[in-house]
Amino acid sequence: MNMKEKTAYIKGLLEGLNLDASKPEGKLIKALVDAVDEMAAELEELKQDVEDYGEYIEEIDEDLGFVEDIVYDLDDEDDEYDCEGNCDECDDEECDLREGGFRCALCPNCGEKIYFDESTDPDEVVCPSCKKPLFGDEEEEKE
């Protein structure tokens, strides 16, 4: 039984008692039952509001999840190292990272991904794996 049904039951019991509404005891009991009835109605309203807000919050949470995936690119395991050219298959020697002002390049010697700050001169970058310059003059390499 919900609160509304319980208050209806109590009202029925009150009517069955045939209390005299002109006496103070009858007035008091009737006022208490009316107050309980109003509280039950308010409680039902609040309960419905909470359910509605819960559904609304779930929708917002789902929408926020989509936004987080887009903004933070959470689908990629190594999202902070991903670049627009997808370095594993990148045809360009260097490409911009999506965020953070970093550059990414594949070492032409060993194929290692190398990340460096965009303020760094690419000609000065040395591969940490093979210790060879990332971008060297082709003439120097021939010599």
C-alpha atoms as a PDB file:
ATOM      1  CA  MET A   1       0.000   0.000   0.000  1.00  0.00           C
ATOM      2  CA  ASN A   2       1.314   3.430  -0.883  1.00  0.00           C
ATOM      3  CA  MET A   3       0.867   6.526   1.282  1.00  0.00           C
ATOM      4  CA  LYS A   4      -2.194   7.732  -0.612  1.00  0.00           C
ATOM      5  CA  GLU A   5      -3.942   4.388  -0.099  1.00  0.00           C
ATOM      6  CA  LYS A   6      -3.048   4.364   3.602  1.00  0.00           C
ATOM      7  CA  THR A   7      -4.492   7.827   4.159  1.00  0.00           C
ATOM      8  CA  ALA A   8      -7.669   6.801   2.316  1.00  0.00           C
ATOM      9  CA  TYR A   9      -7.910   3.804   4.657  1.00  0.00           C
ATOM     10  CA  ILE A  10      -7.466   6.044   7.703  1.00  0.00           C
ATOM     11  CA  LYS A  11     -10.157   8.410   6.383  1.00  0.00           C
ATOM     12  CA  GLY A  12     -12.486   5.436   6.011  1.00  0.00           C
ATOM     13  CA  LEU A  13     -11.783   4.382   9.596  1.00  0.00           C
ATOM     14  CA  LEU A  14     -12.479   7.939  10.764  1.00  0.00           C
ATOM     15  CA  GLU A  15     -15.829   8.008   8.987  1.00  0.00           C
ATOM     16  CA  GLY A  16     -16.672   4.625  10.495  1.00  0.00           C
ATOM     17  CA  LEU A  17     -16.118   5.991  13.997  1.00  0.00           C
ATOM     18  CA  ASN A  18     -18.887   8.563  13.554  1.00  0.00           C
ATOM     19  CA  LEU A  19     -17.002  11.113  15.617  1.00  0.00           C
ATOM     20  CA  ASP A  20     -18.818  14.339  16.314  1.00  0.00           C
ATOM     21  CA  ALA A  21     -16.970  17.035  14.325  1.00  0.00           C
ATOM     22  CA  SER A  22     -18.326  19.711  16.646  1.00  0.00           C
ATOM     23  CA  LYS A  23     -16.441  18.301  19.673  1.00  0.00           C
ATOM     24  CA  PRO A  24     -12.747  19.199  20.151  1.00  0.00           C
ATOM     25  CA  GLU A  25     -11.610  15.567  19.895  1.00  0.00           C
ATOM     26  CA  GLY A  26     -13.407  15.084  16.566  1.00  0.00           C
ATOM     27  CA  LYS A  27     -11.985  18.338  15.195  1.00  0.00           C
ATOM     28  CA  LEU A  28      -8.466  17.331  16.222  1.00  0.00           C
ATOM     29  CA  ILE A  29      -8.627  13.848  14.706  1.00  0.00           C
ATOM     30  CA  LYS A  30     -10.162  15.177  11.462  1.00  0.00           C
ATOM     31  CA  ALA A  31      -7.464  17.890  11.195  1.00  0.00           C
ATOM     32  CA  LEU A  32      -4.728  15.292  11.764  1.00  0.00           C
ATOM     33  CA  VAL A  33      -6.126  12.989   9.070  1.00  0.00           C
ATOM     34  CA  ASP A  34      -6.414  15.915   6.633  1.00  0.00           C
ATOM     35  CA  ALA A  35      -2.791  16.879   7.376  1.00  0.00           C
ATOM     36  CA  VAL A  36      -1.627  13.293   6.799  1.00  0.00           C
ATOM     37  CA  ASP A  37      -3.583  13.229   3.527  1.00  0.00           C
ATOM     38  CA  GLU A  38      -1.898  16.437   2.339  1.00  0.00           C
ATOM     39  CA  MET A  39       1.533  15.110   3.343  1.00  0.00           C
ATOM     40  CA  ALA A  40       0.875  11.899   1.428  1.00  0.00           C
ATOM     41  CA  ALA A  41      -0.060  13.893  -1.687  1.00  0.00           C
ATOM     42  CA  GLU A  42       3.098  16.012  -1.365  1.00  0.00           C
ATOM     43  CA  LEU A  43       5.188  12.893  -0.801  1.00  0.00           C
ATOM     44  CA  GLU A  44       3.816  11.270  -3.959  1.00  0.00           C
ATOM     45  CA  GLU A  45       4.593  14.451  -5.909  1.00  0.00           C
ATOM     46  CA  LEU A  46       8.138  14.578  -4.550  1.00  0.00           C
ATOM     47  CA  LYS A  47       8.629  10.893  -5.294  1.00  0.00           C
ATOM     48  CA  GLN A  48       7.593  11.451  -8.922  1.00  0.00           C
ATOM     49  CA  ASP A  49       9.881  14.490  -9.180  1.00  0.00           C
ATOM     50  CA  VAL A  50      12.834  12.454  -7.866  1.00  0.00           C
ATOM     51  CA  GLU A  51      12.171   9.740 -10.462  1.00  0.00           C
ATOM     52  CA  ASP A  52      11.946  12.345 -13.230  1.00  0.00           C
ATOM     53  CA  TYR A  53      15.154  14.047 -12.079  1.00  0.00           C
ATOM     54  CA  GLY A  54      16.906  10.683 -11.865  1.00  0.00           C
ATOM     55  CA  GLU A  55      16.049   9.944 -15.487  1.00  0.00           C
ATOM     56  CA  TYR A  56      17.116  13.442 -16.488  1.00  0.00           C
ATOM     57  CA  ILE A  57      20.439  13.061 -14.661  1.00  0.00           C
ATOM     58  CA  GLU A  58      21.080   9.739 -16.408  1.00  0.00           C
ATOM     59  CA  GLU A  59      20.499  11.415 -19.785  1.00  0.00           C
ATOM     60  CA  ILE A  60      22.860  14.260 -18.862  1.00  0.00           C
ATOM     61  CA  ASP A  61      25.461  11.734 -17.685  1.00  0.00           C
ATOM     62  CA  GLU A  62      25.266   9.880 -21.004  1.00  0.00           C
ATOM     63  CA  ASP A  63      25.554  13.150 -22.936  1.00  0.00           C
ATOM     64  CA  LEU A  64      28.502  14.179 -20.790  1.00  0.00           C
ATOM     65  CA  GLY A  65      30.128  10.828 -21.487  1.00  0.00           C
ATOM     66  CA  PHE A  66      29.877  11.504 -25.221  1.00  0.00           C
ATOM     67  CA  VAL A  67      31.356  14.979 -24.739  1.00  0.00           C
ATOM     68  CA  GLU A  68      34.203  13.566 -22.618  1.00  0.00           C
ATOM     69  CA  ASP A  69      34.967  11.009 -25.323  1.00  0.00           C
ATOM     70  CA  ILE A  70      35.190  13.772 -27.898  1.00  0.00           C
ATOM     71  CA  VAL A  71      37.125  16.268 -25.774  1.00  0.00           C
ATOM     72  CA  TYR A  72      39.487  13.846 -24.060  1.00  0.00           C
ATOM     73  CA  ASP A  73      39.436  11.181 -26.803  1.00  0.00           C
ATOM     74  CA  LEU A  74      38.972   8.475 -24.151  1.00  0.00           C
ATOM     75  CA  ASP A  75      38.458   5.720 -26.718  1.00  0.00           C
ATOM     76  CA  ASP A  76      42.198   5.525 -27.429  1.00  0.00           C
ATOM     77  CA  GLU A  77      44.342   3.815 -24.802  1.00  0.00           C
ATOM     78  CA  ASP A  78      47.327   6.033 -25.500  1.00  0.00           C
ATOM     79  CA  ASP A  79      45.349   9.140 -26.403  1.00  0.00           C
ATOM     80  CA  GLU A  80      47.993  11.582 -25.274  1.00  0.00           C
ATOM     81  CA  TYR A  81      50.388  10.100 -27.824  1.00  0.00           C
ATOM     82  CA  ASP A  82      47.989   9.787 -30.743  1.00  0.00           C
ATOM     83  CA  CYS A  83      48.363  12.174 -33.623  1.00  0.00           C
ATOM     84  CA  GLU A  84      46.127  13.130 -36.488  1.00  0.00           C
ATOM     85  CA  GLY A  85      48.106  11.001 -38.909  1.00  0.00           C
ATOM     86  CA  ASN A  86      47.970   7.958 -36.597  1.00  0.00           C
ATOM     87  CA  CYS A  87      51.743   7.571 -36.350  1.00  0.00           C
ATOM     88  CA  ASP A  88      51.730   3.819 -36.951  1.00  0.00           C
ATOM     89  CA  GLU A  89      50.465   4.411 -40.468  1.00  0.00           C
ATOM     90  CA  CYS A  90      51.586   8.005 -40.943  1.00  0.00           C
ATOM     91  CA  ASP A  91      52.956   8.785 -44.389  1.00  0.00           C
ATOM     92  CA  ASP A  92      54.311  12.113 -43.238  1.00  0.00           C
ATOM     93  CA  GLU A  93      57.580  12.223 -41.348  1.00  0.00           C
ATOM     94  CA  GLU A  94      56.000  14.497 -38.754  1.00  0.00           C
ATOM     95  CA  CYS A  95      52.461  15.468 -37.809  1.00  0.00           C
ATOM     96  CA  ASP A  96      50.679  17.541 -35.159  1.00  0.00           C
ATOM     97  CA  LEU A  97      49.361  15.986 -31.987  1.00  0.00           C
ATOM     98  CA  ARG A  98      45.712  16.724 -31.326  1.00  0.00           C
ATOM     99  CA  GLU A  99      46.404  18.667 -28.171  1.00  0.00           C
ATOM    100  CA  GLY A 100      49.140  19.950 -25.941  1.00  0.00           C
ATOM    101  CA  GLY A 101      51.418  21.689 -28.435  1.00  0.00           C
ATOM    102  CA  PHE A 102      53.547  18.599 -29.038  1.00  0.00           C
ATOM    103  CA  ARG A 103      54.888  17.187 -32.273  1.00  0.00           C
ATOM    104  CA  CYS A 104      55.176  13.547 -33.195  1.00  0.00           C
ATOM    105  CA  ALA A 105      57.469  11.934 -35.714  1.00  0.00           C
ATOM    106  CA  LEU A 106      58.559   8.446 -36.699  1.00  0.00           C
ATOM    107  CA  CYS A 107      62.265   7.828 -36.585  1.00  0.00           C
ATOM    108  CA  PRO A 108      63.361   7.055 -40.161  1.00  0.00           C
ATOM    109  CA  ASN A 109      66.055   4.699 -38.813  1.00  0.00           C
ATOM    110  CA  CYS A 110      64.224   2.516 -36.276  1.00  0.00           C
ATOM    111  CA  GLY A 111      60.554   3.499 -36.710  1.00  0.00           C
ATOM    112  CA  GLU A 112      60.174   4.567 -33.049  1.00  0.00           C
ATOM    113  CA  LYS A 113      57.553   7.216 -32.241  1.00  0.00           C
ATOM    114  CA  ILE A 114      59.203  10.356 -30.973  1.00  0.00           C
ATOM    115  CA  TYR A 115      57.348  13.163 -29.239  1.00  0.00           C
ATOM    116  CA  PHE A 116      58.766  16.599 -28.694  1.00  0.00           C
ATOM    117  CA  ASP A 117      57.604  20.068 -27.714  1.00  0.00           C
ATOM    118  CA  GLU A 118      56.771  22.303 -30.652  1.00  0.00           C
ATOM    119  CA  SER A 119      59.249  24.886 -29.343  1.00  0.00           C
ATOM    120  CA  THR A 120      62.038  22.352 -29.950  1.00  0.00           C
ATOM    121  CA  ASP A 121      63.848  22.608 -33.275  1.00  0.00           C
ATOM    122  CA  PRO A 122      63.149  19.283 -35.088  1.00  0.00           C
ATOM    123  CA  ASP A 123      66.692  19.313 -36.492  1.00  0.00           C
ATOM    124  CA  GLU A 124      68.004  18.992 -32.916  1.00  0.00           C
ATOM    125  CA  VAL A 125      65.843  15.989 -31.962  1.00  0.00           C
ATOM    126  CA  VAL A 126      67.709  12.724 -31.401  1.00  0.00           C
ATOM    127  CA  CYS A 127      65.895   9.372 -31.288  1.00  0.00           C
ATOM    128  CA  PRO A 128      66.115   7.958 -27.741  1.00  0.00           C
ATOM    129  CA  SER A 129      66.149   4.393 -29.102  1.00  0.00           C
ATOM    130  CA  CYS A 130      68.789   4.434 -31.835  1.00  0.00           C
ATOM    131  CA  LYS A 131      70.512   7.695 -30.770  1.00  0.00           C
ATOM    132  CA  LYS A 132      70.471   8.998 -34.362  1.00  0.00           C
ATOM    133  CA  PRO A 133      69.205  12.448 -35.371  1.00  0.00           C
ATOM    134  CA  LEU A 134      65.565  12.467 -36.335  1.00  0.00           C
ATOM    135  CA  PHE A 135      66.004  14.876 -39.224  1.00  0.00           C
ATOM    136  CA  GLY A 136      69.503  14.892 -40.631  1.00  0.00           C
ATOM    137  CA  ASP A 137      70.716  16.313 -43.882  1.00  0.00           C
ATOM    138  CA  GLU A 138      70.677  13.626 -46.550  1.00  0.00           C
ATOM    139  CA  GLU A 139      74.144  14.769 -47.627  1.00  0.00           C
ATOM    140  CA  GLU A 140      75.522  14.126 -44.110  1.00  0.00           C
ATOM    141  CA  GLU A 141      73.972  10.641 -44.111  1.00  0.00           C
ATOM    142  CA  LYS A 142      75.672   9.789 -47.438  1.00  0.00           C
ATOM    143  CA  GLU A 143      79.070  10.807 -46.091  1.00  0.00           C
END
